[in-house]
Amino acid sequence: MLKFFIALLLNLSLIGGAWCQAAKQDNKAGELPLALPAGLEEVQLPDALTQLQEKYIAVQEKIVALRQHKLALGKGDAKSLDAAKLGLLQSKLGIEKDQGKKIEFLQEMVKLQSESHARSQRKQKNGSGSEDDTLMQEVQLIATQIELLKAEKKASPMAITPEKNKL
């Protein structure tokens, strides 16, 4: 009975694979922008989705405020506050369309991660922090710095020199 099911699954997967290979590919990766009508570069999100994202951001802002309050009372820690702030910034970054604002969010994320990484290094030197935490924070910092550089490169218009115009 087990052999029957294995053979059946194998046949179905082979049939599915053959069907996928035989199917026409209307839009290849390079042709997708050509499939959109002229002038339509961004697809607008439905209002319901936008409202949910705004509600999500509002809840994250409340979490940040709560963690700031706890930290001020001495009951919270900076690591959880940084995590909440980073989550909020990532959410804002995800829905922002203005490239300048995206760069601002990324710069603020780099600043937060740099401060968090520095705290982790100090804790590690004092013997109360772990090397693993410090390395993970460094990896996250570098990844965010890479995203910031990509965003800045995308935002800056490419300079056209006279040599490039000559053919």
Protein backbone atom coordinates (compact mmCIF):
# COMPACT_ATOMS: atom_id res chain seq x y z
CA MET A 1 0.00 0.00 0.00
CA LEU A 2 2.84 2.39 0.84
CA LYS A 3 4.51 1.64 -2.50
CA PHE A 4 1.25 2.49 -4.26
CA PHE A 5 1.04 5.92 -2.60
CA ILE A 6 4.70 6.64 -3.30
CA ALA A 7 4.21 5.71 -6.97
CA LEU A 8 1.06 7.84 -7.13
CA LEU A 9 2.83 10.87 -5.64
CA LEU A 10 5.78 10.38 -7.98
CA ASN A 11 3.49 10.19 -11.01
CA LEU A 12 1.57 13.28 -9.94
CA SER A 13 4.77 15.24 -9.39
CA LEU A 14 6.12 14.18 -12.80
CA ILE A 15 2.85 15.11 -14.49
CA GLY A 16 2.81 18.46 -12.69
CA GLY A 17 6.42 19.15 -13.66
CA ALA A 18 5.77 18.31 -17.30
CA TRP A 19 2.67 20.49 -17.31
CA CYS A 20 4.63 23.43 -15.84
CA GLN A 21 7.36 23.07 -18.46
CA ALA A 22 4.85 22.87 -21.29
CA ALA A 23 2.81 25.86 -20.13
CA LYS A 24 3.39 29.11 -21.96
CA GLN A 25 5.12 31.87 -20.04
CA ASP A 26 3.34 35.07 -21.02
CA ASN A 27 5.34 37.43 -18.83
CA LYS A 28 8.99 36.78 -18.29
CA ALA A 29 10.84 38.72 -15.56
CA GLY A 30 12.19 41.32 -18.00
CA GLU A 31 8.85 41.81 -19.76
CA LEU A 32 6.67 42.52 -16.73
CA PRO A 33 6.94 46.34 -16.89
CA LEU A 34 5.93 46.17 -20.55
CA ALA A 35 2.73 44.36 -19.61
CA LEU A 36 1.55 47.31 -17.51
CA PRO A 37 -0.29 50.16 -19.23
CA ALA A 38 1.86 53.19 -20.04
CA GLY A 39 2.19 55.57 -17.10
CA LEU A 40 1.10 53.00 -14.53
CA GLU A 41 4.27 52.37 -12.56
CA GLU A 42 2.84 51.63 -9.13
CA VAL A 43 -0.22 49.65 -8.23
CA GLN A 44 -2.34 51.39 -5.61
CA LEU A 45 -3.23 49.37 -2.55
CA PRO A 46 -6.91 48.94 -1.77
CA ASP A 47 -8.19 51.31 0.89
CA ALA A 48 -8.91 48.47 3.31
CA LEU A 49 -5.31 47.27 3.17
CA THR A 50 -3.97 50.78 3.63
CA GLN A 51 -6.25 51.29 6.63
CA LEU A 52 -5.05 48.03 8.18
CA GLN A 53 -1.43 49.04 7.69
CA GLU A 54 -2.08 52.42 9.29
CA LYS A 55 -3.82 50.70 12.22
CA TYR A 56 -0.85 48.33 12.55
CA ILE A 57 1.55 51.28 12.66
CA ALA A 58 -0.62 53.03 15.27
CA VAL A 59 -0.47 49.93 17.49
CA GLN A 60 3.31 49.76 17.05
CA GLU A 61 3.57 53.42 18.06
CA LYS A 62 1.64 52.59 21.25
CA ILE A 63 4.06 49.73 21.95
CA VAL A 64 7.03 52.09 21.54
CA ALA A 65 5.42 54.62 23.90
CA LEU A 66 4.69 51.89 26.46
CA ARG A 67 8.26 50.59 26.35
CA GLN A 68 9.63 54.14 26.69
CA HIS A 69 7.43 54.64 29.74
CA LYS A 70 8.59 51.33 31.27
CA LEU A 71 12.22 52.24 30.62
CA ALA A 72 11.70 55.62 32.30
CA LEU A 73 10.30 53.82 35.35
CA GLY A 74 13.28 51.47 35.40
CA LYS A 75 11.19 48.41 34.58
CA GLY A 76 12.09 48.01 30.91
CA ASP A 77 15.24 47.58 28.91
CA ALA A 78 16.75 49.45 26.01
CA LYS A 79 16.96 46.33 23.86
CA SER A 80 13.18 45.82 23.80
CA LEU A 81 12.64 49.53 23.14
CA ASP A 82 15.06 49.40 20.21
CA ALA A 83 13.30 46.33 18.84
CA ALA A 84 9.94 48.10 19.01
CA LYS A 85 11.33 51.22 17.33
CA LEU A 86 12.96 49.16 14.58
CA GLY A 87 9.69 47.30 13.96
CA LEU A 88 7.84 50.59 13.69
CA LEU A 89 10.40 52.04 11.29
CA GLN A 90 10.34 48.90 9.14
CA SER A 91 6.55 49.10 8.91
CA LYS A 92 6.68 52.76 7.92
CA LEU A 93 9.42 51.98 5.42
CA GLY A 94 7.26 49.28 3.85
CA ILE A 95 4.38 51.58 2.99
CA GLU A 96 6.28 54.79 2.25
CA LYS A 97 6.41 55.78 -1.41
CA ASP A 98 8.60 58.88 -1.11
CA GLN A 99 12.23 57.87 -1.60
CA GLY A 100 13.45 60.73 0.60
CA LYS A 101 11.34 59.53 3.54
CA LYS A 102 12.54 55.97 2.99
CA ILE A 103 16.13 57.20 3.27
CA GLU A 104 15.25 59.06 6.49
CA PHE A 105 13.72 55.89 7.97
CA LEU A 106 16.77 53.84 6.98
CA GLN A 107 19.12 56.45 8.48
CA GLU A 108 17.19 56.35 11.74
CA MET A 109 17.32 52.53 11.69
CA VAL A 110 21.11 52.63 11.21
CA LYS A 111 21.39 55.06 14.13
CA LEU A 112 19.29 52.83 16.42
CA GLN A 113 21.17 49.69 15.43
CA SER A 114 24.53 51.43 15.92
CA GLU A 115 23.56 52.47 19.44
CA SER A 116 22.26 48.99 20.23
CA HIS A 117 25.44 47.40 18.85
CA ALA A 118 27.59 49.74 20.95
CA ARG A 119 25.61 48.81 24.10
CA SER A 120 26.04 45.14 23.29
CA GLN A 121 29.80 45.60 22.85
CA ARG A 122 30.03 47.36 26.22
CA LYS A 123 28.08 44.56 27.90
CA GLN A 124 30.32 41.97 26.28
CA LYS A 125 33.44 43.77 27.53
CA ASN A 126 31.96 43.89 31.04
CA GLY A 127 31.23 40.17 30.87
CA SER A 128 27.44 40.46 31.02
CA GLY A 129 26.76 40.25 27.28
CA SER A 130 27.23 37.47 24.78
CA GLU A 131 29.35 37.52 21.66
CA ASP A 132 26.46 35.97 19.71
CA ASP A 133 24.17 38.94 20.43
CA THR A 134 26.89 41.39 19.47
CA LEU A 135 27.60 39.60 16.19
CA MET A 136 23.91 39.35 15.30
CA GLN A 137 23.44 43.05 15.93
CA GLU A 138 26.46 43.79 13.77
CA VAL A 139 24.99 41.68 10.95
CA GLN A 140 21.67 43.54 11.20
CA LEU A 141 23.48 46.87 11.22
CA ILE A 142 25.47 46.00 8.11
CA ALA A 143 22.33 44.77 6.31
CA THR A 144 20.54 48.03 7.07
CA GLN A 145 23.56 50.05 5.94
CA ILE A 146 23.51 48.14 2.64
CA GLU A 147 19.79 48.93 2.20
CA LEU A 148 20.50 52.59 2.96
CA LEU A 149 23.25 52.72 0.34
CA LYS A 150 20.96 51.08 -2.22
CA ALA A 151 18.19 53.56 -1.46
CA GLU A 152 20.56 56.52 -1.71
CA LYS A 153 21.91 55.21 -5.01
CA LYS A 154 18.37 54.78 -6.32
CA ALA A 155 17.41 58.29 -5.20
CA SER A 156 20.37 60.08 -6.73
CA PRO A 157 19.94 60.68 -10.46
CA MET A 158 22.73 59.32 -12.57
CA ALA A 159 24.92 62.08 -13.93
CA ILE A 160 25.22 62.01 -17.69
CA THR A 161 28.61 63.07 -18.93
CA PRO A 162 29.18 64.39 -22.47
CA GLU A 163 31.37 61.35 -23.23
CA LYS A 164 28.42 59.03 -22.66
CA ASN A 165 26.25 60.98 -25.09
CA LYS A 166 28.71 60.57 -27.97
CA LEU A 167 28.29 57.42 -30.00
